[in-house]
C-alpha cells in the first residue's frame, strides 16, 4: 500500500508526526506539498522555512526521530485564536498601544547592548536555529525587559526559525511572555545566562565582532568597561544597553503582578487550566528534589 503524506505547512522532516507514522509502515511513501500563494503571504512565514530543507524523500525511515508529544500541537488545534491573542484572555489587556519601535528594532537587529541576547539574534538570523533555552530567553527579554507586546516578537522569530511549527511556537511564545495565567513567570537575566552558558565568551565573539578583543571577565558586561579598557581591548563600537536590564526586570515583574491582582479572575484561569493544563492522571506525590546535576542536557550554543 502506498501512503501519501501531505506537507501542509512546511517541509519539516525531523518532527513530522504523519511522516513518521507513514514511514513505520515499511511501504512506499509519497510526500506531497502543494504550493499555496496565499499561505506564503501570511505574516509568520518566510522562504527560509522551505528552502533550508532537503526533499522529504532523502530521509530514510530509520533516521526519523519520534515527533513531539501530541498535546503540544493540541493547544493551537483546540484554540486557533492563540496565534493572535493571549491564552488567558484577561491578560490581553496588560499591554496596550503600539510597541516601542526603537526597542523592537534593536531587539530584531541584535542591537540591545546585552551581548548574549544580541549574539543569539545574530546567530539566528544567519543559521535559522537556536537551542530551546535561548529561544525562550529572546522571547522573555522582548516581553519583560523591553516590555513589548508578544505578537511582534513572536512573528519575527517565526520568520527566522527554519523549524517553525505554529502549534509549538505560539503557545511557547505566550508562555515565555507570561500570558498563560497558569505558569510561573520566566524572566531571564541576560548577564547571568551569558556567564553560565558562554563563560569564556566564545559564542559572543563569534557573532559580535565588536567584542572580539574583550577578555572573558569583561565580555558579559562591556558597558562597565572604562574608556581606558575600551581603548585597550576594543568594544568602543558596540552599542550601549537599551536599558538597565535588572531595573527593567523588576518593573516588569511588578507590573505583571499588579495587573494580575486587579484584573484576573478565577473563572478565566480555571478555563485555561481546564483546556490547556497538563493532564497527567491521578495526583501523584511529588518526588524529592534530586541532587544537583553536574551536567546540563540542554544543547550547547554551538550544537
C-alpha atoms as a PDB file:
ATOM      1  CA  UNK A   1       0.000   0.000   0.000  1.00  0.00           C
ATOM      2  CA  UNK A   2       1.319   3.423  -0.936  1.00  0.00           C
ATOM      3  CA  UNK A   3       0.839   6.228   1.598  1.00  0.00           C
ATOM      4  CA  UNK A   4       0.570   9.895   0.656  1.00  0.00           C
ATOM      5  CA  UNK A   5       1.791  12.405   3.265  1.00  0.00           C
ATOM      6  CA  UNK A   6       0.595  15.949   2.727  1.00  0.00           C
ATOM      7  CA  UNK A   7       3.116  18.549   3.916  1.00  0.00           C
ATOM      8  CA  UNK A   8       0.534  21.219   4.597  1.00  0.00           C
ATOM      9  CA  UNK A   9       2.526  23.924   6.375  1.00  0.00           C
ATOM     10  CA  UNK A  10       6.199  23.353   5.527  1.00  0.00           C
ATOM     11  CA  UNK A  11       8.793  20.767   4.572  1.00  0.00           C
ATOM     12  CA  UNK A  12       9.856  19.577   8.004  1.00  0.00           C
ATOM     13  CA  UNK A  13      11.162  16.035   8.032  1.00  0.00           C
ATOM     14  CA  UNK A  14      12.548  15.668  11.556  1.00  0.00           C
ATOM     15  CA  UNK A  15       9.451  16.264  13.674  1.00  0.00           C
ATOM     16  CA  UNK A  16       6.583  15.487  11.318  1.00  0.00           C
ATOM     17  CA  UNK A  17       4.189  13.054  13.029  1.00  0.00           C
ATOM     18  CA  UNK A  18       2.303  11.848   9.901  1.00  0.00           C
ATOM     19  CA  UNK A  19       5.592  11.197   8.081  1.00  0.00           C
ATOM     20  CA  UNK A  20       6.920   9.171  10.989  1.00  0.00           C
ATOM     21  CA  UNK A  21       3.701   7.161  11.122  1.00  0.00           C
ATOM     22  CA  UNK A  22       3.798   6.503   7.378  1.00  0.00           C
ATOM     23  CA  UNK A  23       7.472   5.529   7.450  1.00  0.00           C
ATOM     24  CA  UNK A  24       6.849   2.874  10.105  1.00  0.00           C
ATOM     25  CA  UNK A  25       4.532   1.001   7.728  1.00  0.00           C
ATOM     26  CA  UNK A  26       7.532  -0.092   5.622  1.00  0.00           C
ATOM     27  CA  UNK A  27       5.575   0.753   2.490  1.00  0.00           C
ATOM     28  CA  UNK A  28       6.222   3.358  -0.234  1.00  0.00           C
ATOM     29  CA  UNK A  29       5.623   6.916   0.934  1.00  0.00           C
ATOM     30  CA  UNK A  30       4.818   9.758  -1.463  1.00  0.00           C
ATOM     31  CA  UNK A  31       5.479  13.214   0.063  1.00  0.00           C
ATOM     32  CA  UNK A  32       3.063  15.815  -1.307  1.00  0.00           C
ATOM     33  CA  UNK A  33       3.494  19.534  -0.959  1.00  0.00           C
ATOM     34  CA  UNK A  34       1.014  21.940  -2.512  1.00  0.00           C
ATOM     35  CA  UNK A  35       2.279  25.457  -3.104  1.00  0.00           C
ATOM     36  CA  UNK A  36      -0.321  27.898  -1.843  1.00  0.00           C
ATOM     37  CA  UNK A  37       0.372  31.525  -2.688  1.00  0.00           C
ATOM     38  CA  UNK A  38      -1.993  32.757  -0.008  1.00  0.00           C
ATOM     39  CA  UNK A  39      -0.186  30.803   2.707  1.00  0.00           C
ATOM     40  CA  UNK A  40       3.262  32.177   1.851  1.00  0.00           C
ATOM     41  CA  UNK A  41       1.862  35.687   2.173  1.00  0.00           C
ATOM     42  CA  UNK A  42       0.997  35.123   5.831  1.00  0.00           C
ATOM     43  CA  UNK A  43       2.945  37.332   8.297  1.00  0.00           C
ATOM     44  CA  UNK A  44       4.611  34.427  10.117  1.00  0.00           C
ATOM     45  CA  UNK A  45       6.092  32.709   7.060  1.00  0.00           C
ATOM     46  CA  UNK A  46       9.349  33.157   5.187  1.00  0.00           C
ATOM     47  CA  UNK A  47      11.097  31.493   2.278  1.00  0.00           C
ATOM     48  CA  UNK A  48      13.830  30.032   4.503  1.00  0.00           C
ATOM     49  CA  UNK A  49      11.290  27.640   6.072  1.00  0.00           C
ATOM     50  CA  UNK A  50      11.138  25.698   2.815  1.00  0.00           C
ATOM     51  CA  UNK A  51      14.449  26.497   1.137  1.00  0.00           C
ATOM     52  CA  UNK A  52      16.607  25.230   4.013  1.00  0.00           C
ATOM     53  CA  UNK A  53      15.284  21.661   3.918  1.00  0.00           C
ATOM     54  CA  UNK A  54      16.139  18.724   1.656  1.00  0.00           C
ATOM     55  CA  UNK A  55      13.362  16.995  -0.217  1.00  0.00           C
ATOM     56  CA  UNK A  56      11.497  14.664   2.175  1.00  0.00           C
ATOM     57  CA  UNK A  57      12.342  11.513   0.231  1.00  0.00           C
ATOM     58  CA  UNK A  58      16.054  11.935   1.041  1.00  0.00           C
ATOM     59  CA  UNK A  59      15.326  10.890   4.635  1.00  0.00           C
ATOM     60  CA  UNK A  60      15.260   7.202   5.452  1.00  0.00           C
ATOM     61  CA  UNK A  61      12.570   5.950   7.851  1.00  0.00           C
ATOM     62  CA  UNK A  62      15.118   4.855  10.447  1.00  0.00           C
ATOM     63  CA  UNK A  63      16.539   8.400  10.503  1.00  0.00           C
ATOM     64  CA  UNK A  64      13.254   9.971  11.530  1.00  0.00           C
ATOM     65  CA  UNK A  65      13.034  10.553  15.293  1.00  0.00           C
ATOM     66  CA  UNK A  66       9.817  10.426  17.246  1.00  0.00           C
ATOM     67  CA  UNK A  67       7.646  13.550  16.981  1.00  0.00           C
ATOM     68  CA  UNK A  68       6.976  15.887  19.905  1.00  0.00           C
ATOM     69  CA  UNK A  69       4.097  14.929  22.213  1.00  0.00           C
ATOM     70  CA  UNK A  70       0.720  15.485  20.567  1.00  0.00           C
ATOM     71  CA  UNK A  71      -0.518  17.731  23.389  1.00  0.00           C
ATOM     72  CA  UNK A  72       1.950  20.432  22.332  1.00  0.00           C
ATOM     73  CA  UNK A  73       0.186  20.825  18.994  1.00  0.00           C
ATOM     74  CA  UNK A  74      -3.244  20.301  20.547  1.00  0.00           C
ATOM     75  CA  UNK A  75      -3.250  23.718  22.229  1.00  0.00           C
ATOM     76  CA  UNK A  76      -3.419  25.561  18.907  1.00  0.00           C
ATOM     77  CA  UNK A  77      -5.695  22.905  17.408  1.00  0.00           C
ATOM     78  CA  UNK A  78      -8.166  23.373  20.262  1.00  0.00           C
ATOM     79  CA  UNK A  79      -7.965  27.156  20.218  1.00  0.00           C
ATOM     80  CA  UNK A  80      -6.685  28.611  16.901  1.00  0.00           C
ATOM     81  CA  UNK A  81      -7.095  32.137  18.291  1.00  0.00           C
ATOM     82  CA  UNK A  82      -3.875  31.598  20.267  1.00  0.00           C
ATOM     83  CA  UNK A  83      -1.992  32.721  17.175  1.00  0.00           C
ATOM     84  CA  UNK A  84      -3.458  36.192  17.616  1.00  0.00           C
ATOM     85  CA  UNK A  85      -4.399  36.781  21.258  1.00  0.00           C
ATOM     86  CA  UNK A  86      -3.383  35.816  24.781  1.00  0.00           C
ATOM     87  CA  UNK A  87      -4.188  32.319  26.015  1.00  0.00           C
ATOM     88  CA  UNK A  88      -5.517  33.879  29.221  1.00  0.00           C
ATOM     89  CA  UNK A  89      -7.951  36.337  27.675  1.00  0.00           C
ATOM     90  CA  UNK A  90      -7.861  38.753  30.587  1.00  0.00           C
ATOM     91  CA  UNK A  91      -4.097  39.186  30.136  1.00  0.00           C
ATOM     92  CA  UNK A  92      -4.537  40.515  26.596  1.00  0.00           C
ATOM     93  CA  UNK A  93      -5.112  43.992  28.020  1.00  0.00           C
ATOM     94  CA  UNK A  94      -1.897  44.027  30.051  1.00  0.00           C
ATOM     95  CA  UNK A  95      -0.036  45.802  27.247  1.00  0.00           C
ATOM     96  CA  UNK A  96      -1.926  48.231  25.035  1.00  0.00           C
ATOM     97  CA  UNK A  97      -0.924  50.543  22.240  1.00  0.00           C
ATOM     98  CA  UNK A  98       1.838  50.093  19.656  1.00  0.00           C
ATOM     99  CA  UNK A  99       5.214  48.669  20.640  1.00  0.00           C
ATOM    100  CA  UNK A 100       8.183  50.923  21.231  1.00  0.00           C
ATOM    101  CA  UNK A 101       9.555  50.869  17.694  1.00  0.00           C
ATOM    102  CA  UNK A 102      13.149  51.609  18.701  1.00  0.00           C
ATOM    103  CA  UNK A 103      13.262  48.814  21.268  1.00  0.00           C
ATOM    104  CA  UNK A 104      11.617  46.358  18.865  1.00  0.00           C
ATOM    105  CA  UNK A 105      14.055  47.246  16.090  1.00  0.00           C
ATOM    106  CA  UNK A 106      17.115  46.942  18.330  1.00  0.00           C
ATOM    107  CA  UNK A 107      15.921  43.512  19.506  1.00  0.00           C
ATOM    108  CA  UNK A 108      15.267  42.392  15.927  1.00  0.00           C
ATOM    109  CA  UNK A 109      18.704  43.537  14.754  1.00  0.00           C
ATOM    110  CA  UNK A 110      20.704  42.130  17.663  1.00  0.00           C
ATOM    111  CA  UNK A 111      21.493  45.584  18.995  1.00  0.00           C
ATOM    112  CA  UNK A 112      20.111  45.517  22.548  1.00  0.00           C
ATOM    113  CA  UNK A 113      23.530  46.031  24.112  1.00  0.00           C
ATOM    114  CA  UNK A 114      23.308  42.734  26.022  1.00  0.00           C
ATOM    115  CA  UNK A 115      25.940  40.508  24.411  1.00  0.00           C
ATOM    116  CA  UNK A 116      24.337  37.075  24.698  1.00  0.00           C
ATOM    117  CA  UNK A 117      20.937  38.365  23.555  1.00  0.00           C
ATOM    118  CA  UNK A 118      22.490  40.061  20.540  1.00  0.00           C
ATOM    119  CA  UNK A 119      24.725  37.093  19.715  1.00  0.00           C
ATOM    120  CA  UNK A 120      21.713  34.766  19.782  1.00  0.00           C
ATOM    121  CA  UNK A 121      19.671  37.016  17.497  1.00  0.00           C
ATOM    122  CA  UNK A 122      22.516  37.466  15.015  1.00  0.00           C
ATOM    123  CA  UNK A 123      23.208  33.737  15.041  1.00  0.00           C
ATOM    124  CA  UNK A 124      19.527  33.017  14.459  1.00  0.00           C
ATOM    125  CA  UNK A 125      19.420  35.424  11.537  1.00  0.00           C
ATOM    126  CA  UNK A 126      22.374  33.620   9.970  1.00  0.00           C
ATOM    127  CA  UNK A 127      21.542  29.978  10.726  1.00  0.00           C
ATOM    128  CA  UNK A 128      17.801  29.832  11.394  1.00  0.00           C
ATOM    129  CA  UNK A 129      18.282  27.809  14.594  1.00  0.00           C
ATOM    130  CA  UNK A 130      18.824  28.216  18.343  1.00  0.00           C
ATOM    131  CA  UNK A 131      18.540  25.822  21.249  1.00  0.00           C
ATOM    132  CA  UNK A 132      15.353  25.981  23.307  1.00  0.00           C
ATOM    133  CA  UNK A 133      16.709  27.963  26.250  1.00  0.00           C
ATOM    134  CA  UNK A 134      17.993  30.750  24.040  1.00  0.00           C
ATOM    135  CA  UNK A 135      14.715  30.882  22.112  1.00  0.00           C
ATOM    136  CA  UNK A 136      12.956  31.271  25.439  1.00  0.00           C
ATOM    137  CA  UNK A 137      15.400  33.978  26.534  1.00  0.00           C
ATOM    138  CA  UNK A 138      14.905  36.016  23.363  1.00  0.00           C
ATOM    139  CA  UNK A 139      11.139  35.948  23.778  1.00  0.00           C
ATOM    140  CA  UNK A 140      11.262  36.661  27.506  1.00  0.00           C
ATOM    141  CA  UNK A 141      13.664  39.602  27.147  1.00  0.00           C
ATOM    142  CA  UNK A 142      11.399  41.121  24.499  1.00  0.00           C
ATOM    143  CA  UNK A 143       8.330  40.683  26.698  1.00  0.00           C
ATOM    144  CA  UNK A 144       9.733  41.719  30.072  1.00  0.00           C
ATOM    145  CA  UNK A 145      12.895  43.836  29.958  1.00  0.00           C
ATOM    146  CA  UNK A 146      11.812  45.545  26.723  1.00  0.00           C
ATOM    147  CA  UNK A 147       8.097  45.392  27.630  1.00  0.00           C
ATOM    148  CA  UNK A 148       6.981  44.622  24.066  1.00  0.00           C
ATOM    149  CA  UNK A 149       3.615  43.139  23.183  1.00  0.00           C
ATOM    150  CA  UNK A 150       4.228  39.456  22.444  1.00  0.00           C
ATOM    151  CA  UNK A 151       2.821  39.396  18.908  1.00  0.00           C
ATOM    152  CA  UNK A 152       5.581  41.318  17.072  1.00  0.00           C
ATOM    153  CA  UNK A 153       8.493  39.351  18.614  1.00  0.00           C
ATOM    154  CA  UNK A 154       6.633  36.071  18.039  1.00  0.00           C
ATOM    155  CA  UNK A 155       6.168  36.885  14.352  1.00  0.00           C
ATOM    156  CA  UNK A 156       9.826  37.873  13.990  1.00  0.00           C
ATOM    157  CA  UNK A 157      11.029  34.581  15.460  1.00  0.00           C
ATOM    158  CA  UNK A 158       8.528  32.606  13.397  1.00  0.00           C
ATOM    159  CA  UNK A 159      10.002  34.064  10.214  1.00  0.00           C
ATOM    160  CA  UNK A 160      13.548  33.206  11.311  1.00  0.00           C
ATOM    161  CA  UNK A 161      13.110  29.633  12.609  1.00  0.00           C
ATOM    162  CA  UNK A 162      13.672  27.118   9.829  1.00  0.00           C
ATOM    163  CA  UNK A 163      11.874  24.561  12.025  1.00  0.00           C
ATOM    164  CA  UNK A 164       8.909  26.855  12.699  1.00  0.00           C
ATOM    165  CA  UNK A 165       5.864  24.901  13.827  1.00  0.00           C
ATOM    166  CA  UNK A 166       2.886  27.098  14.792  1.00  0.00           C
ATOM    167  CA  UNK A 167       1.452  24.526  17.187  1.00  0.00           C
ATOM    168  CA  UNK A 168       4.628  24.734  19.273  1.00  0.00           C
ATOM    169  CA  UNK A 169       5.667  28.288  18.578  1.00  0.00           C
ATOM    170  CA  UNK A 170       2.675  30.344  19.649  1.00  0.00           C
ATOM    171  CA  UNK A 171       1.959  28.517  22.888  1.00  0.00           C
ATOM    172  CA  UNK A 172       5.650  28.714  23.849  1.00  0.00           C
ATOM    173  CA  UNK A 173       5.859  32.407  22.888  1.00  0.00           C
ATOM    174  CA  UNK A 174       2.930  33.128  25.180  1.00  0.00           C
ATOM    175  CA  UNK A 175       4.310  31.006  27.999  1.00  0.00           C
ATOM    176  CA  UNK A 176       7.619  32.892  27.874  1.00  0.00           C
ATOM    177  CA  UNK A 177       5.653  36.159  27.865  1.00  0.00           C
ATOM    178  CA  UNK A 178       3.608  35.315  30.967  1.00  0.00           C
ATOM    179  CA  UNK A 179       0.282  35.171  29.130  1.00  0.00           C
ATOM    180  CA  UNK A 180      -0.993  31.718  30.063  1.00  0.00           C
ATOM    181  CA  UNK A 181      -2.029  32.670  33.572  1.00  0.00           C
ATOM    182  CA  UNK A 182      -1.173  29.179  34.819  1.00  0.00           C
ATOM    183  CA  UNK A 183       2.627  29.149  34.529  1.00  0.00           C
ATOM    184  CA  UNK A 184       5.287  30.843  36.630  1.00  0.00           C
ATOM    185  CA  UNK A 185       6.947  33.934  35.172  1.00  0.00           C
ATOM    186  CA  UNK A 186      10.253  33.198  33.473  1.00  0.00           C
ATOM    187  CA  UNK A 187      12.268  36.424  33.499  1.00  0.00           C
ATOM    188  CA  UNK A 188      15.761  35.659  32.248  1.00  0.00           C
ATOM    189  CA  UNK A 189      18.756  37.651  33.436  1.00  0.00           C
ATOM    190  CA  UNK A 190      20.809  38.079  30.233  1.00  0.00           C
ATOM    191  CA  UNK A 191      24.069  38.586  32.132  1.00  0.00           C
ATOM    192  CA  UNK A 192      23.697  35.523  34.352  1.00  0.00           C
ATOM    193  CA  UNK A 193      22.693  33.420  31.342  1.00  0.00           C
ATOM    194  CA  UNK A 194      25.734  34.695  29.487  1.00  0.00           C
ATOM    195  CA  UNK A 195      28.112  33.890  32.336  1.00  0.00           C
ATOM    196  CA  UNK A 196      26.618  30.425  32.766  1.00  0.00           C
ATOM    197  CA  UNK A 197      26.221  29.317  29.155  1.00  0.00           C
ATOM    198  CA  UNK A 198      29.130  31.121  27.479  1.00  0.00           C
ATOM    199  CA  UNK A 199      31.609  31.693  30.316  1.00  0.00           C
ATOM    200  CA  UNK A 200      34.587  32.290  28.051  1.00  0.00           C
ATOM    201  CA  UNK A 201      32.645  34.445  25.586  1.00  0.00           C
ATOM    202  CA  UNK A 202      33.367  32.203  22.585  1.00  0.00           C
ATOM    203  CA  UNK A 203      29.825  32.333  21.209  1.00  0.00           C
ATOM    204  CA  UNK A 204      29.610  36.071  21.813  1.00  0.00           C
ATOM    205  CA  UNK A 205      32.872  36.774  19.985  1.00  0.00           C
ATOM    206  CA  UNK A 206      31.778  34.643  17.041  1.00  0.00           C
ATOM    207  CA  UNK A 207      28.647  36.697  16.429  1.00  0.00           C
ATOM    208  CA  UNK A 208      29.628  40.097  17.820  1.00  0.00           C
ATOM    209  CA  UNK A 209      32.927  41.053  16.201  1.00  0.00           C
ATOM    210  CA  UNK A 210      32.779  44.408  18.011  1.00  0.00           C
ATOM    211  CA  UNK A 211      33.734  42.487  21.163  1.00  0.00           C
ATOM    212  CA  UNK A 212      36.326  40.172  19.615  1.00  0.00           C
ATOM    213  CA  UNK A 213      39.201  41.515  21.701  1.00  0.00           C
ATOM    214  CA  UNK A 214      37.398  41.862  25.024  1.00  0.00           C
ATOM    215  CA  UNK A 215      38.613  39.439  27.743  1.00  0.00           C
ATOM    216  CA  UNK A 216      36.244  36.965  29.373  1.00  0.00           C
ATOM    217  CA  UNK A 217      35.920  38.863  32.649  1.00  0.00           C
ATOM    218  CA  UNK A 218      34.545  41.909  30.806  1.00  0.00           C
ATOM    219  CA  UNK A 219      32.716  40.470  27.816  1.00  0.00           C
ATOM    220  CA  UNK A 220      29.411  39.803  29.592  1.00  0.00           C
ATOM    221  CA  UNK A 221      29.054  43.418  30.776  1.00  0.00           C
ATOM    222  CA  UNK A 222      31.016  45.567  28.296  1.00  0.00           C
ATOM    223  CA  UNK A 223      29.111  48.694  29.355  1.00  0.00           C
ATOM    224  CA  UNK A 224      31.049  48.584  32.634  1.00  0.00           C
ATOM    225  CA  UNK A 225      34.398  48.900  30.885  1.00  0.00           C
ATOM    226  CA  UNK A 226      36.312  52.111  31.447  1.00  0.00           C
ATOM    227  CA  UNK A 227      37.405  54.269  28.487  1.00  0.00           C
ATOM    228  CA  UNK A 228      40.951  53.047  29.060  1.00  0.00           C
ATOM    229  CA  UNK A 229      39.854  49.401  28.920  1.00  0.00           C
ATOM    230  CA  UNK A 230      37.842  50.013  25.760  1.00  0.00           C
ATOM    231  CA  UNK A 231      40.813  51.681  24.148  1.00  0.00           C
ATOM    232  CA  UNK A 232      42.982  48.680  25.044  1.00  0.00           C
ATOM    233  CA  UNK A 233      40.637  45.786  24.283  1.00  0.00           C
ATOM    234  CA  UNK A 234      38.094  47.263  21.879  1.00  0.00           C
ATOM    235  CA  UNK A 235      34.364  47.468  22.349  1.00  0.00           C
ATOM    236  CA  UNK A 236      34.022  51.159  21.501  1.00  0.00           C
ATOM    237  CA  UNK A 237      31.746  50.351  18.563  1.00  0.00           C
ATOM    238  CA  UNK A 238      29.390  48.051  20.472  1.00  0.00           C
ATOM    239  CA  UNK A 239      26.102  49.715  21.320  1.00  0.00           C
ATOM    240  CA  UNK A 240      25.203  50.640  24.909  1.00  0.00           C
ATOM    241  CA  UNK A 241      22.361  48.680  26.568  1.00  0.00           C
ATOM    242  CA  UNK A 242      18.845  49.767  25.639  1.00  0.00           C
ATOM    243  CA  UNK A 243      18.053  49.983  29.372  1.00  0.00           C
ATOM    244  CA  UNK A 244      19.132  48.684  32.786  1.00  0.00           C
ATOM    245  CA  UNK A 245      18.070  45.044  32.498  1.00  0.00           C
ATOM    246  CA  UNK A 246      17.800  44.462  36.248  1.00  0.00           C
ATOM    247  CA  UNK A 247      15.662  47.542  36.838  1.00  0.00           C
ATOM    248  CA  UNK A 248      13.502  46.693  33.814  1.00  0.00           C
ATOM    249  CA  UNK A 249      13.008  43.130  35.044  1.00  0.00           C
ATOM    250  CA  UNK A 250      11.882  44.360  38.469  1.00  0.00           C
ATOM    251  CA  UNK A 251       9.467  46.836  36.890  1.00  0.00           C
ATOM    252  CA  UNK A 252       8.053  44.145  34.607  1.00  0.00           C
ATOM    253  CA  UNK A 253       7.559  41.674  37.452  1.00  0.00           C
ATOM    254  CA  UNK A 254       5.734  44.325  39.483  1.00  0.00           C
ATOM    255  CA  UNK A 255       3.586  45.404  36.525  1.00  0.00           C
ATOM    256  CA  UNK A 256       2.555  41.823  35.777  1.00  0.00           C
ATOM    257  CA  UNK A 257       1.858  41.118  39.433  1.00  0.00           C
ATOM    258  CA  UNK A 258      -0.226  44.270  39.882  1.00  0.00           C
ATOM    259  CA  UNK A 259      -2.223  43.579  36.720  1.00  0.00           C
ATOM    260  CA  UNK A 260      -2.943  40.017  37.770  1.00  0.00           C
ATOM    261  CA  UNK A 261      -4.190  41.129  41.193  1.00  0.00           C
ATOM    262  CA  UNK A 262      -6.546  43.693  39.695  1.00  0.00           C
ATOM    263  CA  UNK A 263      -7.825  42.047  36.526  1.00  0.00           C
ATOM    264  CA  UNK A 264      -7.503  38.258  36.695  1.00  0.00           C
ATOM    265  CA  UNK A 265     -10.495  36.126  37.659  1.00  0.00           C
ATOM    266  CA  UNK A 266     -10.550  32.573  38.927  1.00  0.00           C
ATOM    267  CA  UNK A 267     -13.105  31.695  36.262  1.00  0.00           C
ATOM    268  CA  UNK A 268     -10.846  32.568  33.348  1.00  0.00           C
ATOM    269  CA  UNK A 269      -7.815  30.969  34.982  1.00  0.00           C
ATOM    270  CA  UNK A 270      -9.888  27.836  35.528  1.00  0.00           C
ATOM    271  CA  UNK A 271     -10.936  27.838  31.887  1.00  0.00           C
ATOM    272  CA  UNK A 272      -7.315  27.986  30.722  1.00  0.00           C
ATOM    273  CA  UNK A 273      -6.238  25.297  33.162  1.00  0.00           C
ATOM    274  CA  UNK A 274      -9.090  23.013  32.134  1.00  0.00           C
ATOM    275  CA  UNK A 275      -8.447  23.498  28.434  1.00  0.00           C
ATOM    276  CA  UNK A 276      -4.680  23.715  28.234  1.00  0.00           C
ATOM    277  CA  UNK A 277      -3.310  22.494  31.554  1.00  0.00           C
ATOM    278  CA  UNK A 278      -1.344  19.276  31.907  1.00  0.00           C
ATOM    279  CA  UNK A 279      -3.462  16.147  32.192  1.00  0.00           C
ATOM    280  CA  UNK A 280      -1.303  13.543  33.879  1.00  0.00           C
ATOM    281  CA  UNK A 281      -3.998  11.458  35.513  1.00  0.00           C
ATOM    282  CA  UNK A 282      -4.423  10.973  39.281  1.00  0.00           C
ATOM    283  CA  UNK A 283      -2.437  13.137  41.652  1.00  0.00           C
ATOM    284  CA  UNK A 284       0.969  11.741  42.442  1.00  0.00           C
ATOM    285  CA  UNK A 285       3.265  12.576  45.314  1.00  0.00           C
ATOM    286  CA  UNK A 286       5.973  14.935  44.138  1.00  0.00           C
ATOM    287  CA  UNK A 287       9.369  13.224  44.459  1.00  0.00           C
ATOM    288  CA  UNK A 288      12.087  14.862  46.490  1.00  0.00           C
ATOM    289  CA  UNK A 289      14.429  17.103  44.579  1.00  0.00           C
ATOM    290  CA  UNK A 290      17.360  15.159  43.230  1.00  0.00           C
ATOM    291  CA  UNK A 291      20.913  16.177  43.904  1.00  0.00           C
ATOM    292  CA  UNK A 292      22.162  18.930  41.643  1.00  0.00           C
ATOM    293  CA  UNK A 293      23.248  17.513  38.317  1.00  0.00           C
ATOM    294  CA  UNK A 294      26.729  18.223  37.161  1.00  0.00           C
ATOM    295  CA  UNK A 295      25.800  18.255  33.502  1.00  0.00           C
ATOM    296  CA  UNK A 296      23.020  20.122  31.718  1.00  0.00           C
ATOM    297  CA  UNK A 297      21.272  18.170  28.950  1.00  0.00           C
ATOM    298  CA  UNK A 298      20.384  21.377  27.118  1.00  0.00           C
ATOM    299  CA  UNK A 299      22.114  21.609  23.737  1.00  0.00           C
ATOM    300  CA  UNK A 300      25.061  23.971  23.805  1.00  0.00           C
ATOM    301  CA  UNK A 301      25.201  27.246  21.933  1.00  0.00           C
ATOM    302  CA  UNK A 302      27.459  25.600  19.362  1.00  0.00           C
ATOM    303  CA  UNK A 303      25.358  22.462  18.616  1.00  0.00           C
END
